[in-house]
């Protein structure tokens, strides 16, 4: 690991979701981990538990896939899961629509009016608001946690937007450019008033080959 800080904050993405209809599931209820997704979550838990670092707190988005991905971590480290609303998936106009292939809603002209401003973006929650709420959750957890690391199980979009914000980069991006694989771990530390990204790991890399990952916002 690139840092030897006595406290780190890890943003962990959930595992693969059971999504046979290939929809953009967003905040829709009932989207649980697939069998492979559970294996991915266990890989992330093993990575965290074997790092020889104390973990003081475990947070998870309220969405089912994040809660399920947090359970192996909670079990491995004997921690309770604290539900944190601020790290939830963003809202999205295309939620519930097909997100892949020839039937993708993005290819239908009737929806193109929602694609007019990719910088905000016009189809959902503004990137700046996503970054602000996740950073607020991180700040609060950091300031109130003593004696160990913090783990937050969240979603690709909030994790990647936070990565860009911490790095001082523009928040506009193509989803295809995100370095945030299923069950990946992006680690940060706070020095004074500034956050720094210090590590990225993909403990479920060996399970990604045939994984379905089309539901992210």
Protein backbone atom coordinates (compact mmCIF):
# COMPACT_ATOMS: atom_id res chain seq x y z
CA UNK A 1 0.00 0.00 0.00
CA UNK A 2 1.27 3.46 -0.87
CA UNK A 3 0.57 4.96 2.57
CA UNK A 4 1.47 3.99 6.12
CA UNK A 5 -1.08 6.30 7.74
CA UNK A 6 -2.67 5.08 10.98
CA UNK A 7 -6.08 5.74 9.45
CA UNK A 8 -7.39 5.25 5.92
CA UNK A 9 -10.83 5.45 4.35
CA UNK A 10 -11.71 2.79 1.78
CA UNK A 11 -14.50 3.21 -0.76
CA UNK A 12 -15.52 -0.30 -1.80
CA UNK A 13 -17.75 -0.94 -4.79
CA UNK A 14 -20.44 -3.62 -4.52
CA UNK A 15 -20.19 -6.94 -6.37
CA UNK A 16 -21.97 -8.11 -9.52
CA UNK A 17 -25.75 -7.67 -9.44
CA UNK A 18 -28.32 -10.20 -10.69
CA UNK A 19 -29.61 -8.24 -13.70
CA UNK A 20 -30.86 -10.63 -16.42
CA UNK A 21 -32.80 -7.88 -18.23
CA UNK A 22 -29.70 -5.65 -18.45
CA UNK A 23 -31.48 -2.57 -17.13
CA UNK A 24 -29.97 0.47 -15.51
CA UNK A 25 -31.07 -0.37 -11.98
CA UNK A 26 -29.98 2.85 -10.24
CA UNK A 27 -31.93 3.18 -6.98
CA UNK A 28 -34.55 0.58 -7.88
CA UNK A 29 -35.31 -1.82 -5.00
CA UNK A 30 -34.74 -5.55 -5.08
CA UNK A 31 -31.53 -5.71 -7.14
CA UNK A 32 -29.42 -8.16 -5.17
CA UNK A 33 -26.01 -9.67 -5.75
CA UNK A 34 -25.62 -12.57 -8.14
CA UNK A 35 -23.88 -15.74 -6.98
CA UNK A 36 -20.68 -14.39 -8.52
CA UNK A 37 -21.35 -11.04 -6.87
CA UNK A 38 -21.31 -12.70 -3.46
CA UNK A 39 -17.94 -14.27 -4.30
CA UNK A 40 -16.67 -10.83 -5.31
CA UNK A 41 -17.86 -9.31 -2.05
CA UNK A 42 -16.10 -12.10 -0.14
CA UNK A 43 -12.90 -11.36 -2.08
CA UNK A 44 -13.08 -7.71 -1.06
CA UNK A 45 -13.71 -8.70 2.56
CA UNK A 46 -10.72 -11.04 2.54
CA UNK A 47 -8.53 -8.30 1.06
CA UNK A 48 -9.52 -5.87 3.80
CA UNK A 49 -9.33 -8.41 6.62
CA UNK A 50 -5.88 -9.67 5.56
CA UNK A 51 -4.31 -6.21 5.31
CA UNK A 52 -3.26 -6.26 8.97
CA UNK A 53 -4.96 -2.93 9.62
CA UNK A 54 -7.57 -2.27 12.29
CA UNK A 55 -10.95 -1.26 10.91
CA UNK A 56 -13.11 0.80 13.25
CA UNK A 57 -16.24 1.48 11.22
CA UNK A 58 -18.16 -0.01 8.33
CA UNK A 59 -20.70 2.02 6.35
CA UNK A 60 -22.87 0.99 3.40
CA UNK A 61 -25.27 2.63 1.01
CA UNK A 62 -28.89 1.73 1.82
CA UNK A 63 -29.32 -0.11 -1.49
CA UNK A 64 -29.55 -3.90 -1.25
CA UNK A 65 -26.48 -4.67 -3.36
CA UNK A 66 -24.30 -2.49 -1.14
CA UNK A 67 -25.72 -3.92 2.08
CA UNK A 68 -25.14 -7.47 0.81
CA UNK A 69 -21.58 -6.57 -0.22
CA UNK A 70 -20.90 -5.16 3.24
CA UNK A 71 -22.01 -8.32 5.08
CA UNK A 72 -18.83 -10.39 4.47
CA UNK A 73 -16.76 -7.45 5.70
CA UNK A 74 -18.95 -7.12 8.79
CA UNK A 75 -18.61 -10.85 9.45
CA UNK A 76 -14.85 -10.95 8.93
CA UNK A 77 -14.19 -7.96 11.17
CA UNK A 78 -17.04 -8.30 13.70
CA UNK A 79 -18.44 -4.90 12.81
CA UNK A 80 -21.98 -3.62 12.50
CA UNK A 81 -23.08 -2.09 9.21
CA UNK A 82 -23.94 1.60 9.51
CA UNK A 83 -26.29 2.70 6.72
CA UNK A 84 -25.09 5.96 5.13
CA UNK A 85 -27.59 7.66 2.80
CA UNK A 86 -25.02 10.07 1.38
CA UNK A 87 -23.07 7.38 -0.49
CA UNK A 88 -26.11 6.07 -2.40
CA UNK A 89 -26.26 5.73 -6.21
CA UNK A 90 -27.33 8.99 -7.91
CA UNK A 91 -30.74 9.54 -9.45
CA UNK A 92 -31.06 8.91 -13.19
CA UNK A 93 -33.74 9.50 -15.83
CA UNK A 94 -32.86 6.18 -17.51
CA UNK A 95 -33.44 4.10 -14.38
CA UNK A 96 -35.32 0.91 -15.19
CA UNK A 97 -34.59 1.11 -18.92
CA UNK A 98 -32.47 -1.30 -20.94
CA UNK A 99 -28.85 -0.23 -20.70
CA UNK A 100 -27.11 -2.42 -23.26
CA UNK A 101 -27.32 -3.71 -26.83
CA UNK A 102 -29.55 -2.68 -29.73
CA UNK A 103 -32.51 -2.01 -27.40
CA UNK A 104 -30.58 0.40 -25.20
CA UNK A 105 -32.62 3.45 -24.22
CA UNK A 106 -29.62 5.64 -24.99
CA UNK A 107 -30.06 4.82 -28.69
CA UNK A 108 -33.73 5.82 -28.78
CA UNK A 109 -34.27 9.37 -30.15
CA UNK A 110 -37.22 9.95 -27.81
CA UNK A 111 -34.78 10.09 -24.90
CA UNK A 112 -32.07 12.21 -26.49
CA UNK A 113 -33.33 15.43 -24.92
CA UNK A 114 -31.94 14.10 -21.65
CA UNK A 115 -28.45 13.84 -23.14
CA UNK A 116 -28.07 17.50 -24.09
CA UNK A 117 -25.75 18.49 -21.26
CA UNK A 118 -23.26 15.76 -20.33
CA UNK A 119 -21.29 18.18 -18.15
CA UNK A 120 -24.00 18.55 -15.48
CA UNK A 121 -25.27 15.85 -16.41
CA UNK A 122 -28.77 16.56 -17.72
CA UNK A 123 -30.00 12.97 -17.19
CA UNK A 124 -29.58 12.88 -13.43
CA UNK A 125 -28.05 14.22 -10.23
CA UNK A 126 -25.32 16.80 -10.94
CA UNK A 127 -21.79 15.50 -10.52
CA UNK A 128 -20.94 18.36 -8.17
CA UNK A 129 -23.78 17.39 -5.82
CA UNK A 130 -22.68 13.73 -5.86
CA UNK A 131 -19.12 14.68 -4.95
CA UNK A 132 -20.29 17.05 -2.22
CA UNK A 133 -22.48 14.52 -0.45
CA UNK A 134 -19.89 11.73 -0.59
CA UNK A 135 -17.14 14.06 0.61
CA UNK A 136 -19.44 15.19 3.44
CA UNK A 137 -19.95 11.58 4.52
CA UNK A 138 -16.21 10.95 4.33
CA UNK A 139 -15.42 14.08 6.35
CA UNK A 140 -17.89 13.19 9.09
CA UNK A 141 -16.68 9.60 9.33
CA UNK A 142 -13.05 10.69 9.43
CA UNK A 143 -13.58 13.28 12.15
CA UNK A 144 -15.57 10.94 14.39
CA UNK A 145 -13.52 7.75 14.01
CA UNK A 146 -10.57 6.92 16.21
CA UNK A 147 -8.29 3.91 16.24
CA UNK A 148 -8.72 2.35 12.85
CA UNK A 149 -9.69 2.52 9.20
CA UNK A 150 -13.10 3.31 7.75
CA UNK A 151 -14.81 1.23 5.07
CA UNK A 152 -17.69 2.56 2.96
CA UNK A 153 -19.45 0.22 0.54
CA UNK A 154 -20.92 2.26 -2.29
CA UNK A 155 -21.38 2.44 -6.05
CA UNK A 156 -19.27 3.08 -9.15
CA UNK A 157 -20.50 6.58 -9.97
CA UNK A 158 -20.08 8.10 -6.48
CA UNK A 159 -16.69 6.46 -6.04
CA UNK A 160 -15.37 7.61 -9.41
CA UNK A 161 -16.74 11.15 -9.08
CA UNK A 162 -15.10 11.36 -5.65
CA UNK A 163 -11.83 10.14 -7.17
CA UNK A 164 -12.00 12.92 -9.76
CA UNK A 165 -12.94 15.56 -7.19
CA UNK A 166 -10.14 14.61 -4.80
CA UNK A 167 -7.67 14.70 -7.70
CA UNK A 168 -8.88 18.16 -8.71
CA UNK A 169 -9.97 16.94 -12.14
CA UNK A 170 -13.12 17.89 -14.10
CA UNK A 171 -16.06 15.80 -12.97
CA UNK A 172 -17.44 15.29 -16.50
CA UNK A 173 -16.43 11.89 -17.85
CA UNK A 174 -17.51 8.94 -19.92
CA UNK A 175 -18.76 6.00 -17.79
CA UNK A 176 -16.62 3.71 -19.95
CA UNK A 177 -13.50 5.48 -18.65
CA UNK A 178 -14.09 4.70 -14.97
CA UNK A 179 -11.42 2.73 -13.14
CA UNK A 180 -13.80 1.28 -10.58
CA UNK A 181 -14.29 -2.45 -11.06
CA UNK A 182 -16.81 -4.57 -9.21
CA UNK A 183 -15.74 -5.05 -5.56
CA UNK A 184 -12.73 -2.78 -6.08
CA UNK A 185 -11.23 -0.82 -3.19
CA UNK A 186 -10.21 2.85 -3.60
CA UNK A 187 -8.36 4.14 -0.54
CA UNK A 188 -7.94 7.70 0.73
CA UNK A 189 -6.40 9.54 3.62
CA UNK A 190 -6.95 13.06 4.91
CA UNK A 191 -3.97 15.26 5.64
CA UNK A 192 -5.05 18.46 7.30
CA UNK A 193 -8.05 19.66 5.32
CA UNK A 194 -7.19 17.80 2.10
CA UNK A 195 -8.04 14.32 0.90
CA UNK A 196 -5.53 12.24 -1.05
CA UNK A 197 -6.09 9.00 -2.91
CA UNK A 198 -3.40 6.52 -1.88
CA UNK A 199 -4.33 3.13 -3.33
CA UNK A 200 -6.58 1.18 -5.70
CA UNK A 201 -7.06 -2.60 -5.60
CA UNK A 202 -9.27 -5.03 -7.49
CA UNK A 203 -9.40 -8.17 -5.33
CA UNK A 204 -12.14 -9.71 -7.51
CA UNK A 205 -10.19 -9.27 -10.75
CA UNK A 206 -10.20 -13.01 -11.40
CA UNK A 207 -14.00 -13.02 -11.40
CA UNK A 208 -14.54 -10.13 -13.80
CA UNK A 209 -14.16 -11.99 -17.11
CA UNK A 210 -17.80 -12.94 -17.67
CA UNK A 211 -19.34 -10.52 -15.18
CA UNK A 212 -22.35 -8.42 -16.16
CA UNK A 213 -21.77 -4.77 -15.32
CA UNK A 214 -24.32 -2.72 -17.26
CA UNK A 215 -26.54 -1.50 -14.41
CA UNK A 216 -24.34 1.29 -13.10
CA UNK A 217 -25.43 4.91 -13.50
